[in-house]
Amino acid sequence: GVDNIRWHKPVYAGDHLSAQVTVLDARESTSKPGLGIVNYEVSVYNQHEKLVMTLKSVGMFLTKAAWEMTAQSD
């Protein structure tokens, strides 16, 4: 899910955007082996390096061990 999405400045057609993702917390799921739960924050900047948007989110991702097992089976 996405929490606390904030638009700090307008974004216009033709703007060049870049993003920075910061992991706030990561842990393995206790109910779903091979999955990790990651809390992270995204900051988006325009071509003038001005902050235009921030959001916090939670995502589920394969753990490194699960990803390596998947990659070996290919």
C-alpha atoms as a PDB file:
ATOM      1  CA  GLY A   1       0.000   0.000   0.000  1.00  0.00           C
ATOM      2  CA  VAL A   2       0.921   3.635  -0.341  1.00  0.00           C
ATOM      3  CA  ASP A   3       0.790   5.980   2.648  1.00  0.00           C
ATOM      4  CA  ASN A   4       1.444   9.673   3.041  1.00  0.00           C
ATOM      5  CA  ILE A   5       1.731  10.634  -0.615  1.00  0.00           C
ATOM      6  CA  ARG A   6       2.497  14.348  -0.822  1.00  0.00           C
ATOM      7  CA  TRP A   7       2.871  16.576  -3.836  1.00  0.00           C
ATOM      8  CA  HIS A   8       5.229  19.391  -2.834  1.00  0.00           C
ATOM      9  CA  LYS A   9       5.404  21.156  -6.210  1.00  0.00           C
ATOM     10  CA  PRO A  10       3.571  20.806  -9.525  1.00  0.00           C
ATOM     11  CA  VAL A  11       4.958  18.535 -12.239  1.00  0.00           C
ATOM     12  CA  TYR A  12       4.575  19.636 -15.843  1.00  0.00           C
ATOM     13  CA  ALA A  13       4.720  17.878 -19.204  1.00  0.00           C
ATOM     14  CA  GLY A  14       8.343  17.790 -20.311  1.00  0.00           C
ATOM     15  CA  ASP A  15       9.783  17.767 -16.780  1.00  0.00           C
ATOM     16  CA  HIS A  16      12.620  15.320 -16.185  1.00  0.00           C
ATOM     17  CA  LEU A  17      12.113  13.434 -12.927  1.00  0.00           C
ATOM     18  CA  SER A  18      14.467  11.355 -10.827  1.00  0.00           C
ATOM     19  CA  ALA A  19      13.687   9.297  -7.750  1.00  0.00           C
ATOM     20  CA  GLN A  20      15.491   8.205  -4.634  1.00  0.00           C
ATOM     21  CA  VAL A  21      14.276   5.201  -2.637  1.00  0.00           C
ATOM     22  CA  THR A  22      15.254   4.781   1.019  1.00  0.00           C
ATOM     23  CA  VAL A  23      14.583   1.494   2.817  1.00  0.00           C
ATOM     24  CA  LEU A  24      13.237   2.280   6.286  1.00  0.00           C
ATOM     25  CA  ASP A  25      12.771  -1.289   7.516  1.00  0.00           C
ATOM     26  CA  ALA A  26      13.060  -4.800   6.085  1.00  0.00           C
ATOM     27  CA  ARG A  27      12.122  -8.129   7.637  1.00  0.00           C
ATOM     28  CA  GLU A  28      11.220 -11.626   6.575  1.00  0.00           C
ATOM     29  CA  SER A  29       7.567 -12.559   6.531  1.00  0.00           C
ATOM     30  CA  THR A  30       6.641 -14.981   9.307  1.00  0.00           C
ATOM     31  CA  SER A  31       3.624 -16.336   7.422  1.00  0.00           C
ATOM     32  CA  LYS A  32       5.051 -16.522   3.874  1.00  0.00           C
ATOM     33  CA  PRO A  33       8.495 -18.140   3.678  1.00  0.00           C
ATOM     34  CA  GLY A  34      10.719 -16.669   0.989  1.00  0.00           C
ATOM     35  CA  LEU A  35       9.084 -13.255   1.122  1.00  0.00           C
ATOM     36  CA  GLY A  36      10.333 -10.120   2.802  1.00  0.00           C
ATOM     37  CA  ILE A  37       8.328  -7.094   3.883  1.00  0.00           C
ATOM     38  CA  VAL A  38       9.995  -3.782   3.098  1.00  0.00           C
ATOM     39  CA  ASN A  39       8.929  -0.348   4.327  1.00  0.00           C
ATOM     40  CA  TYR A  40      10.392   2.347   2.118  1.00  0.00           C
ATOM     41  CA  GLU A  41      10.165   6.013   1.252  1.00  0.00           C
ATOM     42  CA  VAL A  42      10.340   7.487  -2.246  1.00  0.00           C
ATOM     43  CA  SER A  43      11.437  11.060  -2.982  1.00  0.00           C
ATOM     44  CA  VAL A  44      10.950  12.438  -6.503  1.00  0.00           C
ATOM     45  CA  TYR A  45      12.873  15.448  -7.819  1.00  0.00           C
ATOM     46  CA  ASN A  46      12.501  17.557 -10.947  1.00  0.00           C
ATOM     47  CA  GLN A  47      15.272  18.670 -13.312  1.00  0.00           C
ATOM     48  CA  HIS A  48      16.055  21.592 -10.983  1.00  0.00           C
ATOM     49  CA  GLU A  49      16.653  19.127  -8.106  1.00  0.00           C
ATOM     50  CA  LYS A  50      13.532  20.431  -6.349  1.00  0.00           C
ATOM     51  CA  LEU A  51      11.524  17.924  -4.327  1.00  0.00           C
ATOM     52  CA  VAL A  52       8.160  17.451  -6.042  1.00  0.00           C
ATOM     53  CA  MET A  53       6.682  14.340  -4.388  1.00  0.00           C
ATOM     54  CA  THR A  54       7.212  11.967  -1.460  1.00  0.00           C
ATOM     55  CA  LEU A  55       5.477   8.793  -0.431  1.00  0.00           C
ATOM     56  CA  LYS A  56       5.872   5.935   2.006  1.00  0.00           C
ATOM     57  CA  SER A  57       5.001   2.403   0.996  1.00  0.00           C
ATOM     58  CA  VAL A  58       5.145  -1.237   2.035  1.00  0.00           C
ATOM     59  CA  GLY A  59       6.010  -3.959  -0.446  1.00  0.00           C
ATOM     60  CA  MET A  60       6.561  -7.689  -0.492  1.00  0.00           C
ATOM     61  CA  PHE A  61       9.651  -8.979  -2.294  1.00  0.00           C
ATOM     62  CA  LEU A  62      11.413 -12.296  -2.729  1.00  0.00           C
ATOM     63  CA  THR A  63      14.209 -12.775  -0.224  1.00  0.00           C
ATOM     64  CA  LYS A  64      17.711 -13.206  -1.608  1.00  0.00           C
ATOM     65  CA  ALA A  65      17.640 -16.947  -0.840  1.00  0.00           C
ATOM     66  CA  ALA A  66      14.285 -17.413  -2.605  1.00  0.00           C
ATOM     67  CA  TRP A  67      15.465 -15.356  -5.594  1.00  0.00           C
ATOM     68  CA  GLU A  68      18.659 -17.415  -5.885  1.00  0.00           C
ATOM     69  CA  MET A  69      16.651 -20.655  -5.805  1.00  0.00           C
ATOM     70  CA  THR A  70      14.393 -19.303  -8.564  1.00  0.00           C
ATOM     71  CA  ALA A  71      17.383 -18.199 -10.655  1.00  0.00           C
ATOM     72  CA  GLN A  72      19.064 -21.615 -10.346  1.00  0.00           C
ATOM     73  CA  SER A  73      15.989 -23.429 -11.633  1.00  0.00           C
ATOM     74  CA  ASP A  74      16.097 -21.530 -14.967  1.00  0.00           C
END
